C-alpha atoms as a PDB file:
ATOM      1  CA  UNK A   1       3.377 -22.311  31.908  1.00  0.00           C
ATOM      2  CA  UNK A   2       2.998 -19.311  29.586  1.00  0.00           C
ATOM      3  CA  UNK A   3       0.725 -20.232  26.674  1.00  0.00           C
ATOM      4  CA  UNK A   4       1.339 -17.018  24.728  1.00  0.00           C
ATOM      5  CA  UNK A   5       3.911 -16.655  21.967  1.00  0.00           C
ATOM      6  CA  UNK A   6       6.873 -14.390  22.569  1.00  0.00           C
ATOM      7  CA  UNK A   7       8.560 -13.222  19.356  1.00  0.00           C
ATOM      8  CA  UNK A   8      12.093 -11.801  19.401  1.00  0.00           C
ATOM      9  CA  UNK A   9      13.856 -10.276  16.399  1.00  0.00           C
ATOM     10  CA  UNK A  10      17.534 -11.196  15.953  1.00  0.00           C
ATOM     11  CA  UNK A  11      18.120 -10.495  12.260  1.00  0.00           C
ATOM     12  CA  UNK A  12      16.305  -8.274   9.751  1.00  0.00           C
ATOM     13  CA  UNK A  13      18.376  -8.098   6.552  1.00  0.00           C
ATOM     14  CA  UNK A  14      18.398  -9.909   3.250  1.00  0.00           C
ATOM     15  CA  UNK A  15      21.315 -10.953   1.022  1.00  0.00           C
ATOM     16  CA  UNK A  16      24.199 -10.121   3.377  1.00  0.00           C
ATOM     17  CA  UNK A  17      24.922  -8.634   6.818  1.00  0.00           C
ATOM     18  CA  UNK A  18      25.260  -4.860   6.843  1.00  0.00           C
ATOM     19  CA  UNK A  19      27.586  -3.637   9.599  1.00  0.00           C
ATOM     20  CA  UNK A  20      28.044   0.115   9.887  1.00  0.00           C
ATOM     21  CA  UNK A  21      26.799   3.268  11.522  1.00  0.00           C
ATOM     22  CA  UNK A  22      23.942   3.698   9.024  1.00  0.00           C
ATOM     23  CA  UNK A  23      22.399   0.347   9.993  1.00  0.00           C
ATOM     24  CA  UNK A  24      22.429   0.487  13.794  1.00  0.00           C
ATOM     25  CA  UNK A  25      18.772   1.339  14.504  1.00  0.00           C
ATOM     26  CA  UNK A  26      17.075  -1.503  12.609  1.00  0.00           C
ATOM     27  CA  UNK A  27      20.054  -3.847  12.676  1.00  0.00           C
ATOM     28  CA  UNK A  28      22.429  -5.412  10.193  1.00  0.00           C
ATOM     29  CA  UNK A  29      22.146  -9.177  10.758  1.00  0.00           C
ATOM     30  CA  UNK A  30      20.424 -11.438   8.262  1.00  0.00           C
ATOM     31  CA  UNK A  31      17.137 -13.188   8.919  1.00  0.00           C
ATOM     32  CA  UNK A  32      16.574 -14.852  12.283  1.00  0.00           C
ATOM     33  CA  UNK A  33      13.455 -14.653  14.465  1.00  0.00           C
ATOM     34  CA  UNK A  34      12.821 -16.496  17.717  1.00  0.00           C
ATOM     35  CA  UNK A  35       9.326 -17.689  18.711  1.00  0.00           C
ATOM     36  CA  UNK A  36       8.861 -19.163  22.199  1.00  0.00           C
ATOM     37  CA  UNK A  37       5.785 -20.614  23.859  1.00  0.00           C
ATOM     38  CA  UNK A  38       5.983 -22.627  27.041  1.00  0.00           C
ATOM     39  CA  UNK A  39       8.771 -25.165  26.577  1.00  0.00           C
ATOM     40  CA  UNK A  40       8.899 -24.791  22.799  1.00  0.00           C
ATOM     41  CA  UNK A  41      11.749 -22.814  21.227  1.00  0.00           C
ATOM     42  CA  UNK A  42      11.260 -22.216  17.507  1.00  0.00           C
ATOM     43  CA  UNK A  43      13.663 -20.292  15.294  1.00  0.00           C
ATOM     44  CA  UNK A  44      12.692 -19.008  11.864  1.00  0.00           C
ATOM     45  CA  UNK A  45      15.786 -19.092   9.647  1.00  0.00           C
ATOM     46  CA  UNK A  46      19.448 -19.240  10.596  1.00  0.00           C
ATOM     47  CA  UNK A  47      20.894 -16.002   9.274  1.00  0.00           C
ATOM     48  CA  UNK A  48      23.779 -14.230  10.989  1.00  0.00           C
ATOM     49  CA  UNK A  49      21.409 -13.181  13.789  1.00  0.00           C
ATOM     50  CA  UNK A  50      21.512 -16.802  14.969  1.00  0.00           C
ATOM     51  CA  UNK A  51      24.983 -16.245  16.440  1.00  0.00           C
ATOM     52  CA  UNK A  52      23.746 -13.702  18.969  1.00  0.00           C
ATOM     53  CA  UNK A  53      20.614 -15.733  19.586  1.00  0.00           C
ATOM     54  CA  UNK A  54      22.726 -18.853  20.146  1.00  0.00           C
ATOM     55  CA  UNK A  55      24.699 -17.083  22.845  1.00  0.00           C
ATOM     56  CA  UNK A  56      21.437 -15.971  24.470  1.00  0.00           C
ATOM     57  CA  UNK A  57      20.062 -19.540  24.400  1.00  0.00           C
ATOM     58  CA  UNK A  58      23.255 -20.901  25.906  1.00  0.00           C
ATOM     59  CA  UNK A  59      23.193 -18.357  28.742  1.00  0.00           C
ATOM     60  CA  UNK A  60      19.518 -19.077  29.452  1.00  0.00           C
ATOM     61  CA  UNK A  61      20.116 -22.842  29.580  1.00  0.00           C
ATOM     62  CA  UNK A  62      17.971 -23.736  26.561  1.00  0.00           C
ATOM     63  CA  UNK A  63      18.998 -27.077  25.101  1.00  0.00           C
ATOM     64  CA  UNK A  64      16.242 -28.090  22.663  1.00  0.00           C
ATOM     65  CA  UNK A  65      15.403 -25.943  19.640  1.00  0.00           C
ATOM     66  CA  UNK A  66      13.570 -26.245  16.332  1.00  0.00           C
ATOM     67  CA  UNK A  67      15.049 -24.304  13.396  1.00  0.00           C
ATOM     68  CA  UNK A  68      12.717 -23.823  10.415  1.00  0.00           C
ATOM     69  CA  UNK A  69      14.720 -22.966   7.296  1.00  0.00           C
ATOM     70  CA  UNK A  70      12.894 -21.163   4.511  1.00  0.00           C
ATOM     71  CA  UNK A  71      15.609 -22.176   2.026  1.00  0.00           C
ATOM     72  CA  UNK A  72      19.358 -22.623   1.722  1.00  0.00           C
ATOM     73  CA  UNK A  73      20.476 -19.282   0.313  1.00  0.00           C
ATOM     74  CA  UNK A  74      23.506 -18.185   2.276  1.00  0.00           C
ATOM     75  CA  UNK A  75      21.860 -15.232   4.049  1.00  0.00           C
ATOM     76  CA  UNK A  76      19.429 -17.670   5.683  1.00  0.00           C
ATOM     77  CA  UNK A  77      21.980 -20.186   6.918  1.00  0.00           C
ATOM     78  CA  UNK A  78      25.203 -18.229   7.621  1.00  0.00           C
ATOM     79  CA  UNK A  79      24.437 -18.234  11.346  1.00  0.00           C
ATOM     80  CA  UNK A  80      24.771 -22.023  11.439  1.00  0.00           C
ATOM     81  CA  UNK A  81      28.536 -21.525  11.287  1.00  0.00           C
ATOM     82  CA  UNK A  82      29.477 -21.197  14.950  1.00  0.00           C
ATOM     83  CA  UNK A  83      26.020 -21.850  16.442  1.00  0.00           C
ATOM     84  CA  UNK A  84      26.917 -22.635  20.098  1.00  0.00           C
ATOM     85  CA  UNK A  85      24.360 -25.401  20.687  1.00  0.00           C
ATOM     86  CA  UNK A  86      26.041 -27.610  18.081  1.00  0.00           C
ATOM     87  CA  UNK A  87      28.976 -27.940  20.488  1.00  0.00           C
ATOM     88  CA  UNK A  88      26.873 -28.727  23.567  1.00  0.00           C
ATOM     89  CA  UNK A  89      26.718 -32.492  24.282  1.00  0.00           C
ATOM     90  CA  UNK A  90      23.321 -31.898  25.893  1.00  0.00           C
ATOM     91  CA  UNK A  91      22.009 -29.887  22.961  1.00  0.00           C
ATOM     92  CA  UNK A  92      19.156 -31.123  20.765  1.00  0.00           C
ATOM     93  CA  UNK A  93      18.708 -29.292  17.479  1.00  0.00           C
ATOM     94  CA  UNK A  94      15.976 -30.113  14.972  1.00  0.00           C
ATOM     95  CA  UNK A  95      16.561 -28.597  11.523  1.00  0.00           C
ATOM     96  CA  UNK A  96      13.615 -28.460   9.124  1.00  0.00           C
ATOM     97  CA  UNK A  97      13.693 -27.492   5.469  1.00  0.00           C
ATOM     98  CA  UNK A  98      13.754 -28.666   1.885  1.00  0.00           C
ATOM     99  CA  UNK A  99      16.649 -29.793  -0.218  1.00  0.00           C
ATOM    100  CA  UNK A 100      17.879 -27.371  -2.840  1.00  0.00           C
ATOM    101  CA  UNK A 101      18.677 -27.837  -6.493  1.00  0.00           C
ATOM    102  CA  UNK A 102      21.700 -29.995  -5.680  1.00  0.00           C
ATOM    103  CA  UNK A 103      20.174 -32.770  -3.592  1.00  0.00           C
ATOM    104  CA  UNK A 104      18.620 -33.628  -0.244  1.00  0.00           C
ATOM    105  CA  UNK A 105      18.760 -31.329   2.775  1.00  0.00           C
ATOM    106  CA  UNK A 106      21.181 -33.530   4.746  1.00  0.00           C
ATOM    107  CA  UNK A 107      23.714 -33.775   1.923  1.00  0.00           C
ATOM    108  CA  UNK A 108      23.596 -30.055   1.225  1.00  0.00           C
ATOM    109  CA  UNK A 109      24.021 -29.120   4.874  1.00  0.00           C
ATOM    110  CA  UNK A 110      27.007 -31.463   5.147  1.00  0.00           C
ATOM    111  CA  UNK A 111      28.562 -29.763   2.147  1.00  0.00           C
ATOM    112  CA  UNK A 112      27.877 -26.242   3.384  1.00  0.00           C
ATOM    113  CA  UNK A 113      28.905 -26.757   7.002  1.00  0.00           C
ATOM    114  CA  UNK A 114      31.857 -29.064   6.458  1.00  0.00           C
ATOM    115  CA  UNK A 115      35.314 -28.874   4.988  1.00  0.00           C
ATOM    116  CA  UNK A 116      36.706 -27.027   3.086  1.00  0.00           C
ATOM    117  CA  UNK A 117      34.345 -24.205   4.038  1.00  0.00           C
ATOM    118  CA  UNK A 118      34.306 -24.900   7.786  1.00  0.00           C
ATOM    119  CA  UNK A 119      36.549 -27.062  10.000  1.00  0.00           C
ATOM    120  CA  UNK A 120      33.656 -29.022  11.547  1.00  0.00           C
ATOM    121  CA  UNK A 121      30.815 -30.771   9.786  1.00  0.00           C
ATOM    122  CA  UNK A 122      27.445 -31.969  11.166  1.00  0.00           C
ATOM    123  CA  UNK A 123      28.878 -35.412  11.860  1.00  0.00           C
ATOM    124  CA  UNK A 124      31.442 -33.803  14.230  1.00  0.00           C
ATOM    125  CA  UNK A 125      28.945 -31.999  16.466  1.00  0.00           C
ATOM    126  CA  UNK A 126      28.592 -33.440  19.987  1.00  0.00           C
ATOM    127  CA  UNK A 127      24.982 -32.205  20.136  1.00  0.00           C
ATOM    128  CA  UNK A 128      22.102 -34.342  18.914  1.00  0.00           C
ATOM    129  CA  UNK A 129      21.219 -33.060  15.450  1.00  0.00           C
ATOM    130  CA  UNK A 130      18.117 -34.252  13.612  1.00  0.00           C
ATOM    131  CA  UNK A 131      17.392 -33.264  10.020  1.00  0.00           C
ATOM    132  CA  UNK A 132      13.769 -33.177   8.860  1.00  0.00           C
ATOM    133  CA  UNK A 133      13.293 -32.812   5.117  1.00  0.00           C
ATOM    134  CA  UNK A 134       9.963 -31.149   4.407  1.00  0.00           C
ATOM    135  CA  UNK A 135       8.033 -31.126   1.162  1.00  0.00           C
ATOM    136  CA  UNK A 136       5.995 -28.027   0.232  1.00  0.00           C
ATOM    137  CA  UNK A 137       2.419 -28.462   1.420  1.00  0.00           C
ATOM    138  CA  UNK A 138       3.404 -30.923   4.141  1.00  0.00           C
ATOM    139  CA  UNK A 139       2.171 -30.470   7.734  1.00  0.00           C
ATOM    140  CA  UNK A 140       3.859 -31.789  10.872  1.00  0.00           C
ATOM    141  CA  UNK A 141       3.995 -31.321  14.648  1.00  0.00           C
ATOM    142  CA  UNK A 142       6.820 -29.976  16.795  1.00  0.00           C
ATOM    143  CA  UNK A 143       5.602 -30.995  20.254  1.00  0.00           C
ATOM    144  CA  UNK A 144       5.860 -34.545  21.555  1.00  0.00           C
ATOM    145  CA  UNK A 145       3.134 -34.436  24.212  1.00  0.00           C
ATOM    146  CA  UNK A 146      -0.562 -35.075  23.734  1.00  0.00           C
ATOM    147  CA  UNK A 147      -1.668 -31.547  24.680  1.00  0.00           C
ATOM    148  CA  UNK A 148      -0.852 -28.181  23.139  1.00  0.00           C
ATOM    149  CA  UNK A 149       0.670 -29.688  20.020  1.00  0.00           C
ATOM    150  CA  UNK A 150       2.309 -27.092  17.792  1.00  0.00           C
ATOM    151  CA  UNK A 151       1.206 -27.822  14.242  1.00  0.00           C
ATOM    152  CA  UNK A 152       3.321 -26.505  11.377  1.00  0.00           C
ATOM    153  CA  UNK A 153       1.842 -26.121   7.917  1.00  0.00           C
ATOM    154  CA  UNK A 154       3.907 -25.247   4.855  1.00  0.00           C
ATOM    155  CA  UNK A 155       3.423 -23.538   1.511  1.00  0.00           C
ATOM    156  CA  UNK A 156       5.816 -23.290  -1.408  1.00  0.00           C
ATOM    157  CA  UNK A 157       7.012 -19.728  -1.911  1.00  0.00           C
ATOM    158  CA  UNK A 158       7.724 -17.976  -5.191  1.00  0.00           C
ATOM    159  CA  UNK A 159      11.510 -17.605  -5.071  1.00  0.00           C
ATOM    160  CA  UNK A 160      14.446 -18.611  -7.308  1.00  0.00           C
ATOM    161  CA  UNK A 161      15.356 -22.170  -6.317  1.00  0.00           C
ATOM    162  CA  UNK A 162      12.224 -22.449  -4.181  1.00  0.00           C
ATOM    163  CA  UNK A 163      11.395 -21.561  -0.589  1.00  0.00           C
ATOM    164  CA  UNK A 164       9.129 -22.753   2.216  1.00  0.00           C
ATOM    165  CA  UNK A 165       6.639 -20.572   4.040  1.00  0.00           C
ATOM    166  CA  UNK A 166       5.521 -21.701   7.493  1.00  0.00           C
ATOM    167  CA  UNK A 167       2.392 -21.385   9.616  1.00  0.00           C
ATOM    168  CA  UNK A 168       2.567 -22.303  13.306  1.00  0.00           C
ATOM    169  CA  UNK A 169      -0.772 -23.126  14.917  1.00  0.00           C
ATOM    170  CA  UNK A 170      -1.540 -23.953  18.554  1.00  0.00           C
ATOM    171  CA  UNK A 171      -4.192 -23.025  21.093  1.00  0.00           C
ATOM    172  CA  UNK A 172      -6.058 -20.815  18.639  1.00  0.00           C
ATOM    173  CA  UNK A 173      -2.943 -18.747  17.936  1.00  0.00           C
ATOM    174  CA  UNK A 174      -1.098 -18.694  14.620  1.00  0.00           C
ATOM    175  CA  UNK A 175       2.090 -17.203  13.219  1.00  0.00           C
ATOM    176  CA  UNK A 176       2.864 -17.078   9.495  1.00  0.00           C
ATOM    177  CA  UNK A 177       6.451 -16.726   8.286  1.00  0.00           C
ATOM    178  CA  UNK A 178       6.437 -15.526   4.682  1.00  0.00           C
ATOM    179  CA  UNK A 179       9.958 -14.513   3.711  1.00  0.00           C
ATOM    180  CA  UNK A 180      11.598 -14.771   0.289  1.00  0.00           C
ATOM    181  CA  UNK A 181       8.368 -14.896  -1.646  1.00  0.00           C
ATOM    182  CA  UNK A 182       7.505 -12.751  -4.655  1.00  0.00           C
ATOM    183  CA  UNK A 183       3.828 -11.884  -4.798  1.00  0.00           C
ATOM    184  CA  UNK A 184       1.996 -12.697  -8.000  1.00  0.00           C
ATOM    185  CA  UNK A 185      -1.579 -13.628  -8.849  1.00  0.00           C
ATOM    186  CA  UNK A 186      -1.201 -17.346  -8.140  1.00  0.00           C
ATOM    187  CA  UNK A 187       0.686 -17.074  -4.872  1.00  0.00           C
ATOM    188  CA  UNK A 188      -1.533 -14.199  -3.710  1.00  0.00           C
ATOM    189  CA  UNK A 189      -4.597 -16.447  -3.732  1.00  0.00           C
ATOM    190  CA  UNK A 190      -2.761 -19.191  -1.860  1.00  0.00           C
ATOM    191  CA  UNK A 191      -1.252 -16.749   0.645  1.00  0.00           C
ATOM    192  CA  UNK A 192      -4.642 -15.250   1.472  1.00  0.00           C
ATOM    193  CA  UNK A 193      -5.882 -18.631   2.636  1.00  0.00           C
ATOM    194  CA  UNK A 194      -2.578 -19.646   4.232  1.00  0.00           C
ATOM    195  CA  UNK A 195      -2.473 -16.427   6.311  1.00  0.00           C
ATOM    196  CA  UNK A 196      -6.185 -16.340   7.152  1.00  0.00           C
ATOM    197  CA  UNK A 197      -6.817 -14.668  10.563  1.00  0.00           C
ATOM    198  CA  UNK A 198      -3.248 -15.212  11.785  1.00  0.00           C
ATOM    199  CA  UNK A 199      -2.203 -13.328  14.911  1.00  0.00           C
ATOM    200  CA  UNK A 200       1.089 -12.388  13.252  1.00  0.00           C
ATOM    201  CA  UNK A 201       2.319 -12.324   9.663  1.00  0.00           C
ATOM    202  CA  UNK A 202       6.094 -11.985   9.280  1.00  0.00           C
ATOM    203  CA  UNK A 203       6.506 -10.580   5.802  1.00  0.00           C
ATOM    204  CA  UNK A 204       9.194 -10.159   3.139  1.00  0.00           C
ATOM    205  CA  UNK A 205       9.548  -6.365   2.826  1.00  0.00           C
ATOM    206  CA  UNK A 206      12.817  -6.583   0.923  1.00  0.00           C
ATOM    207  CA  UNK A 207      11.851  -3.857  -1.529  1.00  0.00           C
ATOM    208  CA  UNK A 208       9.884  -0.668  -1.619  1.00  0.00           C
ATOM    209  CA  UNK A 209       7.126  -0.902  -4.197  1.00  0.00           C
ATOM    210  CA  UNK A 210       9.117   1.299  -6.563  1.00  0.00           C
ATOM    211  CA  UNK A 211      12.209  -0.919  -6.336  1.00  0.00           C
ATOM    212  CA  UNK A 212      10.177  -4.120  -6.571  1.00  0.00           C
ATOM    213  CA  UNK A 213       8.844  -3.129  -9.962  1.00  0.00           C
ATOM    214  CA  UNK A 214      12.351  -2.873 -11.419  1.00  0.00           C
ATOM    215  CA  UNK A 215      13.440  -6.250  -9.971  1.00  0.00           C
ATOM    216  CA  UNK A 216      10.939  -8.785 -11.361  1.00  0.00           C
ATOM    217  CA  UNK A 217      11.908 -12.388 -10.795  1.00  0.00           C
ATOM    218  CA  UNK A 218      14.169 -11.660  -7.833  1.00  0.00           C
ATOM    219  CA  UNK A 219      11.790 -13.500  -5.490  1.00  0.00           C
ATOM    220  CA  UNK A 220      10.944 -10.674  -3.099  1.00  0.00           C
ATOM    221  CA  UNK A 221       8.019  -8.423  -2.211  1.00  0.00           C
ATOM    222  CA  UNK A 222       7.255  -5.030  -0.664  1.00  0.00           C
ATOM    223  CA  UNK A 223       5.667  -3.755   2.539  1.00  0.00           C
ATOM    224  CA  UNK A 224       2.762  -2.445   0.449  1.00  0.00           C
ATOM    225  CA  UNK A 225       2.013  -5.994  -0.671  1.00  0.00           C
ATOM    226  CA  UNK A 226       2.359  -7.219   2.908  1.00  0.00           C
ATOM    227  CA  UNK A 227      -0.247  -4.702   4.070  1.00  0.00           C
ATOM    228  CA  UNK A 228      -2.588  -5.753   1.285  1.00  0.00           C
ATOM    229  CA  UNK A 229      -2.222  -9.403   2.271  1.00  0.00           C
ATOM    230  CA  UNK A 230      -2.740  -8.654   5.962  1.00  0.00           C
ATOM    231  CA  UNK A 231      -5.957  -6.760   5.237  1.00  0.00           C
ATOM    232  CA  UNK A 232      -7.274  -9.393   2.841  1.00  0.00           C
ATOM    233  CA  UNK A 233      -6.496 -12.201   5.298  1.00  0.00           C
ATOM    234  CA  UNK A 234      -7.726 -10.339   8.400  1.00  0.00           C
ATOM    235  CA  UNK A 235      -4.327 -10.671  10.075  1.00  0.00           C
ATOM    236  CA  UNK A 236      -4.026  -8.940  13.445  1.00  0.00           C
ATOM    237  CA  UNK A 237      -0.443  -7.736  13.008  1.00  0.00           C
ATOM    238  CA  UNK A 238       2.123  -7.750  10.192  1.00  0.00           C
ATOM    239  CA  UNK A 239       5.852  -7.506  10.884  1.00  0.00           C
ATOM    240  CA  UNK A 240       7.954  -6.217   7.983  1.00  0.00           C
ATOM    241  CA  UNK A 241      11.494  -7.589   7.742  1.00  0.00           C
ATOM    242  CA  UNK A 242      14.197  -8.962   5.375  1.00  0.00           C
ATOM    243  CA  UNK A 243      15.081  -5.419   4.323  1.00  0.00           C
ATOM    244  CA  UNK A 244      17.442  -4.806   1.427  1.00  0.00           C
ATOM    245  CA  UNK A 245      21.033  -4.419   2.554  1.00  0.00           C
ATOM    246  CA  UNK A 246      21.062  -1.088   0.705  1.00  0.00           C
ATOM    247  CA  UNK A 247      18.305   0.461   2.847  1.00  0.00           C
ATOM    248  CA  UNK A 248      19.833   2.608   5.576  1.00  0.00           C
ATOM    249  CA  UNK A 249      18.133   3.482   8.859  1.00  0.00           C
ATOM    250  CA  UNK A 250      17.026   6.786   7.372  1.00  0.00           C
ATOM    251  CA  UNK A 251      15.446   5.030   4.386  1.00  0.00           C
ATOM    252  CA  UNK A 252      13.619   2.553   6.630  1.00  0.00           C
ATOM    253  CA  UNK A 253      12.394   5.294   8.957  1.00  0.00           C
ATOM    254  CA  UNK A 254      10.772   6.979   5.957  1.00  0.00           C
ATOM    255  CA  UNK A 255       9.172   3.733   4.785  1.00  0.00           C
ATOM    256  CA  UNK A 256       7.981   2.878   8.291  1.00  0.00           C
ATOM    257  CA  UNK A 257       6.300   6.274   8.628  1.00  0.00           C
ATOM    258  CA  UNK A 258       4.453   5.701   5.357  1.00  0.00           C
ATOM    259  CA  UNK A 259       3.454   2.137   6.213  1.00  0.00           C
ATOM    260  CA  UNK A 260       2.262   2.788   9.750  1.00  0.00           C
ATOM    261  CA  UNK A 261       0.371   5.813   8.522  1.00  0.00           C
ATOM    262  CA  UNK A 262      -1.616   3.545   6.241  1.00  0.00           C
ATOM    263  CA  UNK A 263      -2.440   0.887   8.811  1.00  0.00           C
ATOM    264  CA  UNK A 264      -1.837   0.568  12.554  1.00  0.00           C
ATOM    265  CA  UNK A 265      -1.452  -3.217  12.345  1.00  0.00           C
ATOM    266  CA  UNK A 266       1.938  -2.717  10.656  1.00  0.00           C
ATOM    267  CA  UNK A 267       5.304  -2.808  12.415  1.00  0.00           C
ATOM    268  CA  UNK A 268       8.850  -2.690  11.071  1.00  0.00           C
ATOM    269  CA  UNK A 269      11.252  -5.190  12.610  1.00  0.00           C
ATOM    270  CA  UNK A 270      14.231  -3.999  14.614  1.00  0.00           C
ATOM    271  CA  UNK A 271      16.822  -6.231  16.200  1.00  0.00           C
ATOM    272  CA  UNK A 272      15.983  -6.613  19.901  1.00  0.00           C
ATOM    273  CA  UNK A 273      12.247  -6.063  19.329  1.00  0.00           C
ATOM    274  CA  UNK A 274       9.944  -8.312  21.393  1.00  0.00           C
ATOM    275  CA  UNK A 275       6.290  -8.952  20.481  1.00  0.00           C
ATOM    276  CA  UNK A 276       3.938 -10.896  22.756  1.00  0.00           C
ATOM    277  CA  UNK A 277       0.808 -12.357  21.223  1.00  0.00           C
END
């Protein structure tokens, strides 16, 4: 059994998918990242990239997955519509997240995925679907065995309506998922400890630093802030993602050149990218 994490990028955008010739290199799907280790299949967020990932999982015979939702904004859940494993009687899907401003996670998912917005609701899926409502600061385990338990820790992000940040920990390896979080003095102190010595930090690089300064309160950060956090926390690698839907490939190439020139631990996410830890 392979005890290393394999990370695959399936969606890199924020707000909305961006199809078109100017978005082909980095990709146009919204947030979705696969993390696999041994028999564990973990998915960070269910943006539109989940549709392609779902097809890949179906073709590879994967039946049991854990989906960690940062929050319920539409760009992070629009891949749930049409996710193939929901229709597999042998499928087992565990959805983790927090309820939004309108109620508990289960009730909100039923509203979002059901009629009149979609012909099938969660109660219609032949797959086994388990909903796990998580409170900020709560820790839990994904694995069921006694060895190599995957621990998940959470932190409340700084985002309109709230968000959850995740840290996966197992076998001395750790991955931090920090999307949809606006850096400020309070959250910076908490993030430094939360990200301490992680092998990989997946960071909200929605804005350039210049654009971030003119969008206070939008709940997003910049790659410059991600690099600062990675250095302060002694992170081995930081993966920038959740790019603004307005940033073309040419814009991102320019930003990537600047970022990687500052620090070799930095990478910009592209759909299809694979990272092995």
